[in-house]
């Protein structure tokens, strides 16, 4: 019994020592703590809120600009529409069959 105790006791101590060293040297859990998760969630919510505020402000500014400043391109757009309309009327007159008049007879 004494010989068994002399062999097992150092073996048990050695195993416990190796386990302690392995545990101490093992890398810690790379997961985030609860505080870090909360901070990340708070930052994400803040960023979404800021983006929504910027989008709302931009839309309000665009609505105000549209109401107070008439489009500088409106006159040009109207001229283009008149030109297209005149070109269609001209092409309808130009491409009639020979021997027909404007009213189609």
N, C-alpha and C. Protein backbone atom coordinates (compact mmCIF):
# COMPACT_ATOMS: atom_id res chain seq x y z
N UNK A 1 0.83 -1.18 0.00
CA UNK A 1 0.00 0.00 0.00
C UNK A 1 0.88 1.25 0.00
N UNK A 2 1.97 1.25 0.74
CA UNK A 2 2.87 2.39 0.80
C UNK A 2 3.53 2.66 -0.54
N UNK A 3 3.87 1.55 -1.27
CA UNK A 3 4.49 1.74 -2.59
C UNK A 3 3.49 2.33 -3.58
N UNK A 4 2.26 1.90 -3.48
CA UNK A 4 1.21 2.40 -4.37
C UNK A 4 0.99 3.88 -4.12
N UNK A 5 0.99 4.29 -2.87
CA UNK A 5 0.80 5.69 -2.50
C UNK A 5 1.98 6.53 -2.99
N UNK A 6 3.18 6.00 -2.94
CA UNK A 6 4.35 6.73 -3.40
C UNK A 6 4.34 6.92 -4.92
N UNK A 7 3.69 6.06 -5.67
CA UNK A 7 3.62 6.17 -7.13
C UNK A 7 2.41 7.02 -7.55
N UNK A 8 1.25 6.79 -6.94
CA UNK A 8 0.03 7.48 -7.35
C UNK A 8 0.00 8.94 -6.93
N UNK A 9 0.47 9.27 -5.74
CA UNK A 9 0.40 10.64 -5.26
C UNK A 9 1.21 11.60 -6.17
N UNK A 10 2.44 11.32 -6.52
CA UNK A 10 3.15 12.21 -7.44
C UNK A 10 2.50 12.24 -8.82
N UNK A 11 1.93 11.12 -9.26
CA UNK A 11 1.26 11.09 -10.57
C UNK A 11 0.02 11.99 -10.55
N UNK A 12 -0.75 11.93 -9.48
CA UNK A 12 -1.96 12.77 -9.37
C UNK A 12 -1.56 14.25 -9.30
N UNK A 13 -0.51 14.55 -8.54
CA UNK A 13 -0.04 15.93 -8.44
C UNK A 13 0.46 16.41 -9.80
N UNK A 14 1.17 15.57 -10.51
CA UNK A 14 1.67 15.95 -11.83
C UNK A 14 0.53 16.20 -12.81
N UNK A 15 -0.48 15.35 -12.80
CA UNK A 15 -1.65 15.54 -13.68
C UNK A 15 -2.37 16.84 -13.32
N UNK A 16 -2.55 17.11 -12.04
CA UNK A 16 -3.22 18.34 -11.61
C UNK A 16 -2.40 19.56 -12.04
N UNK A 17 -1.09 19.49 -11.90
CA UNK A 17 -0.21 20.59 -12.30
C UNK A 17 -0.28 20.83 -13.80
N UNK A 18 -0.25 19.76 -14.60
CA UNK A 18 -0.36 19.89 -16.06
C UNK A 18 -1.72 20.47 -16.47
N UNK A 19 -2.77 20.03 -15.80
CA UNK A 19 -4.11 20.56 -16.11
C UNK A 19 -4.17 22.05 -15.78
N UNK A 20 -3.61 22.47 -14.66
CA UNK A 20 -3.60 23.89 -14.27
C UNK A 20 -2.82 24.74 -15.25
N UNK A 21 -1.68 24.26 -15.69
CA UNK A 21 -0.87 25.00 -16.66
C UNK A 21 -1.60 25.09 -18.00
N UNK A 22 -2.20 23.99 -18.44
CA UNK A 22 -2.92 23.99 -19.72
C UNK A 22 -4.11 24.94 -19.66
N UNK A 23 -4.82 24.97 -18.53
CA UNK A 23 -5.96 25.87 -18.37
C UNK A 23 -5.50 27.32 -18.37
N UNK A 24 -4.40 27.61 -17.72
CA UNK A 24 -3.90 28.98 -17.64
C UNK A 24 -3.42 29.47 -19.00
N UNK A 25 -2.85 28.60 -19.81
CA UNK A 25 -2.31 29.01 -21.11
C UNK A 25 -3.34 28.97 -22.24
N UNK A 26 -4.47 28.34 -21.99
CA UNK A 26 -5.51 28.25 -23.03
C UNK A 26 -6.07 29.65 -23.29
N UNK A 27 -6.30 30.01 -24.56
CA UNK A 27 -6.84 31.35 -24.85
C UNK A 27 -8.25 31.49 -24.30
N UNK A 28 -8.54 32.71 -23.88
CA UNK A 28 -9.87 32.97 -23.32
C UNK A 28 -10.91 32.96 -24.43
N UNK A 29 -12.16 32.90 -24.02
CA UNK A 29 -13.29 32.91 -24.95
C UNK A 29 -13.27 34.21 -25.76
N UNK A 30 -13.23 34.12 -27.09
CA UNK A 30 -13.15 35.34 -27.89
C UNK A 30 -14.49 36.06 -28.00
N UNK A 31 -15.54 35.53 -27.40
CA UNK A 31 -16.86 36.15 -27.49
C UNK A 31 -16.90 37.50 -26.79
N UNK A 32 -17.90 38.29 -27.15
CA UNK A 32 -18.04 39.62 -26.58
C UNK A 32 -18.73 39.55 -25.22
N UNK A 33 -18.35 40.45 -24.36
CA UNK A 33 -19.03 40.53 -23.07
C UNK A 33 -20.40 41.18 -23.27
N UNK A 34 -21.24 41.13 -22.26
CA UNK A 34 -22.56 41.72 -22.36
C UNK A 34 -22.46 43.24 -22.56
N UNK A 35 -21.49 43.86 -21.90
CA UNK A 35 -21.32 45.31 -22.05
C UNK A 35 -20.91 45.66 -23.47
N UNK A 36 -20.02 44.86 -24.04
CA UNK A 36 -19.58 45.13 -25.42
C UNK A 36 -20.73 44.91 -26.40
N UNK A 37 -21.54 43.88 -26.17
CA UNK A 37 -22.71 43.64 -27.04
C UNK A 37 -23.68 44.81 -26.95
N UNK A 38 -23.91 45.31 -25.74
CA UNK A 38 -24.82 46.44 -25.56
C UNK A 38 -24.27 47.68 -26.27
N UNK A 39 -22.98 47.92 -26.14
CA UNK A 39 -22.38 49.08 -26.79
C UNK A 39 -22.50 48.98 -28.31
N UNK A 40 -22.28 47.79 -28.85
CA UNK A 40 -22.40 47.60 -30.29
C UNK A 40 -23.85 47.82 -30.75
N UNK A 41 -24.81 47.27 -30.01
CA UNK A 41 -26.22 47.44 -30.36
C UNK A 41 -26.61 48.92 -30.28
N UNK A 42 -26.13 49.60 -29.25
CA UNK A 42 -26.42 51.02 -29.09
C UNK A 42 -25.84 51.83 -30.25
N UNK A 43 -24.64 51.50 -30.67
CA UNK A 43 -24.01 52.21 -31.79
C UNK A 43 -24.77 51.96 -33.09
N UNK A 44 -25.24 50.73 -33.30
CA UNK A 44 -26.00 50.41 -34.52
C UNK A 44 -27.32 51.16 -34.54
N UNK A 45 -28.02 51.19 -33.38
CA UNK A 45 -29.29 51.93 -33.31
C UNK A 45 -29.06 53.42 -33.55
N UNK A 46 -27.99 53.95 -32.98
CA UNK A 46 -27.68 55.36 -33.16
C UNK A 46 -27.39 55.67 -34.62
N UNK A 47 -26.64 54.79 -35.29
CA UNK A 47 -26.33 55.00 -36.71
C UNK A 47 -27.59 54.95 -37.57
N UNK A 48 -28.49 54.00 -37.27
CA UNK A 48 -29.75 53.93 -38.03
C UNK A 48 -30.58 55.19 -37.81
N UNK A 49 -30.65 55.66 -36.57
CA UNK A 49 -31.42 56.86 -36.27
C UNK A 49 -30.82 58.07 -37.00
N UNK A 50 -29.51 58.19 -36.97
CA UNK A 50 -28.85 59.30 -37.65
C UNK A 50 -29.11 59.26 -39.15
N UNK A 51 -29.03 58.07 -39.74
CA UNK A 51 -29.29 57.93 -41.18
C UNK A 51 -30.73 58.33 -41.51
N UNK A 52 -31.66 57.94 -40.66
CA UNK A 52 -33.07 58.32 -40.89
C UNK A 52 -33.24 59.83 -40.78
N UNK A 53 -32.56 60.45 -39.82
CA UNK A 53 -32.66 61.90 -39.67
C UNK A 53 -32.07 62.62 -40.89
N UNK A 54 -30.95 62.13 -41.38
CA UNK A 54 -30.33 62.74 -42.56
C UNK A 54 -31.25 62.59 -43.77
N UNK A 55 -31.85 61.41 -43.92
CA UNK A 55 -32.74 61.17 -45.05
C UNK A 55 -33.96 62.08 -44.97
N UNK A 56 -34.54 62.23 -43.77
CA UNK A 56 -35.70 63.10 -43.60
C UNK A 56 -35.33 64.55 -43.87
N UNK A 57 -34.18 64.99 -43.40
CA UNK A 57 -33.76 66.37 -43.63
C UNK A 57 -33.50 66.63 -45.11
N UNK A 58 -32.91 65.67 -45.79
CA UNK A 58 -32.66 65.81 -47.23
C UNK A 58 -33.97 65.89 -47.99
N UNK A 59 -34.93 65.04 -47.63
CA UNK A 59 -36.23 65.07 -48.31
C UNK A 59 -36.94 66.39 -48.05
N UNK A 60 -36.88 66.89 -46.83
CA UNK A 60 -37.52 68.18 -46.52
C UNK A 60 -36.85 69.31 -47.29
N UNK A 61 -35.52 69.28 -47.37
CA UNK A 61 -34.81 70.31 -48.13
C UNK A 61 -35.18 70.25 -49.61
N UNK A 62 -35.30 69.05 -50.16
CA UNK A 62 -35.66 68.91 -51.57
C UNK A 62 -37.08 69.41 -51.82
N UNK A 63 -38.01 69.09 -50.88
CA UNK A 63 -39.38 69.58 -51.04
C UNK A 63 -39.42 71.10 -50.98
N UNK A 64 -38.68 71.69 -50.06
CA UNK A 64 -38.64 73.14 -49.93
C UNK A 64 -38.03 73.78 -51.18
N UNK A 65 -36.95 73.19 -51.68
CA UNK A 65 -36.31 73.73 -52.88
C UNK A 65 -37.25 73.63 -54.08
N UNK A 66 -37.98 72.53 -54.18
CA UNK A 66 -38.90 72.37 -55.31
C UNK A 66 -40.05 73.38 -55.23
N UNK A 67 -40.47 73.69 -54.00
CA UNK A 67 -41.58 74.63 -53.85
C UNK A 67 -41.14 76.08 -54.06
N UNK A 68 -39.91 76.40 -53.69
CA UNK A 68 -39.48 77.80 -53.75
C UNK A 68 -38.70 78.15 -55.01
N UNK A 69 -38.06 77.18 -55.65
CA UNK A 69 -37.29 77.45 -56.86
C UNK A 69 -37.86 76.65 -58.02
N UNK A 70 -38.50 77.32 -58.97
CA UNK A 70 -38.99 76.55 -60.11
C UNK A 70 -37.82 75.93 -60.86
N UNK A 71 -38.11 74.84 -61.46
CA UNK A 71 -37.05 74.10 -62.15
C UNK A 71 -36.45 74.94 -63.25
N UNK A 72 -35.14 74.97 -63.29
CA UNK A 72 -34.47 75.72 -64.34
C UNK A 72 -34.60 75.01 -65.68
N UNK A 73 -34.92 73.74 -65.63
CA UNK A 73 -35.04 72.98 -66.86
C UNK A 73 -36.48 72.92 -67.38
N UNK A 74 -37.41 73.52 -66.66
CA UNK A 74 -38.81 73.43 -67.09
C UNK A 74 -39.01 74.09 -68.45
N UNK A 75 -38.41 75.25 -68.65
CA UNK A 75 -38.57 75.94 -69.93
C UNK A 75 -37.95 75.12 -71.06
N UNK A 76 -36.77 74.57 -70.82
CA UNK A 76 -36.11 73.74 -71.83
C UNK A 76 -36.96 72.49 -72.12
N UNK A 77 -37.53 71.88 -71.09
CA UNK A 77 -38.37 70.69 -71.27
C UNK A 77 -39.59 71.05 -72.13
N UNK A 78 -40.21 72.19 -71.85
CA UNK A 78 -41.38 72.60 -72.65
C UNK A 78 -40.99 72.83 -74.11
N UNK A 79 -39.83 73.43 -74.33
CA UNK A 79 -39.39 73.64 -75.71
C UNK A 79 -39.15 72.32 -76.42
N UNK A 80 -38.57 71.36 -75.72
CA UNK A 80 -38.33 70.06 -76.34
C UNK A 80 -39.65 69.37 -76.68
N UNK A 81 -40.63 69.47 -75.79
CA UNK A 81 -41.93 68.85 -76.06
C UNK A 81 -42.60 69.50 -77.27
N UNK A 82 -42.51 70.82 -77.37
CA UNK A 82 -43.09 71.51 -78.53
C UNK A 82 -42.37 71.11 -79.81
N UNK A 83 -41.06 70.97 -79.75
CA UNK A 83 -40.29 70.56 -80.91
C UNK A 83 -40.68 69.15 -81.36
N UNK A 84 -40.83 68.25 -80.40
CA UNK A 84 -41.23 66.87 -80.72
C UNK A 84 -42.62 66.86 -81.34
N UNK A 85 -43.54 67.63 -80.77
CA UNK A 85 -44.90 67.70 -81.29
C UNK A 85 -44.90 68.25 -82.72
N UNK A 86 -44.12 69.31 -82.96
CA UNK A 86 -44.06 69.90 -84.30
C UNK A 86 -43.42 68.92 -85.28
N UNK A 87 -42.42 68.18 -84.85
CA UNK A 87 -41.77 67.22 -85.74
C UNK A 87 -42.73 66.09 -86.10
N UNK A 88 -43.54 65.65 -85.17
CA UNK A 88 -44.52 64.60 -85.47
C UNK A 88 -45.55 65.09 -86.48
N UNK A 89 -46.03 66.31 -86.26
CA UNK A 89 -47.01 66.85 -87.21
C UNK A 89 -46.40 67.00 -88.59
N UNK A 90 -45.16 67.44 -88.64
CA UNK A 90 -44.49 67.59 -89.93
C UNK A 90 -44.29 66.25 -90.60
N UNK A 91 -43.91 65.22 -89.81
CA UNK A 91 -43.68 63.91 -90.42
C UNK A 91 -45.00 63.29 -90.87
N UNK A 92 -46.07 63.57 -90.18
CA UNK A 92 -47.38 63.07 -90.63
C UNK A 92 -47.77 63.71 -91.96
N UNK A 93 -47.46 64.96 -92.12
CA UNK A 93 -47.78 65.65 -93.37
C UNK A 93 -46.86 65.17 -94.50
N UNK A 94 -45.60 64.93 -94.17
CA UNK A 94 -44.60 64.57 -95.18
C UNK A 94 -44.82 63.16 -95.71
N UNK A 95 -45.22 62.23 -94.89
CA UNK A 95 -45.27 60.84 -95.28
C UNK A 95 -46.65 60.37 -95.72
N UNK A 96 -47.47 61.26 -96.20
CA UNK A 96 -48.76 60.84 -96.74
C UNK A 96 -48.55 60.24 -98.13
N UNK A 97 -49.48 59.35 -98.51
CA UNK A 97 -49.38 58.74 -99.84
C UNK A 97 -49.56 59.80 -100.91
N UNK A 98 -48.89 59.62 -102.04
CA UNK A 98 -49.07 60.58 -103.13
C UNK A 98 -50.53 60.59 -103.59
N UNK A 99 -50.99 61.78 -103.91
CA UNK A 99 -52.36 61.91 -104.39
C UNK A 99 -53.38 62.11 -103.28
N UNK A 100 -52.96 62.13 -102.02
CA UNK A 100 -53.90 62.37 -100.93
C UNK A 100 -53.69 63.77 -100.39
N UNK A 101 -54.71 64.30 -99.79
CA UNK A 101 -54.60 65.64 -99.18
C UNK A 101 -54.44 65.47 -97.67
N UNK A 102 -54.38 66.59 -96.99
CA UNK A 102 -54.16 66.54 -95.56
C UNK A 102 -55.29 65.88 -94.81
N UNK A 103 -56.51 66.01 -95.31
CA UNK A 103 -57.64 65.41 -94.61
C UNK A 103 -57.83 63.94 -94.98
N UNK A 104 -56.95 63.38 -95.81
CA UNK A 104 -56.95 61.96 -96.09
C UNK A 104 -57.76 61.53 -97.30
N UNK A 105 -58.25 62.45 -98.11
CA UNK A 105 -59.03 62.08 -99.30
C UNK A 105 -58.24 62.19 -100.56
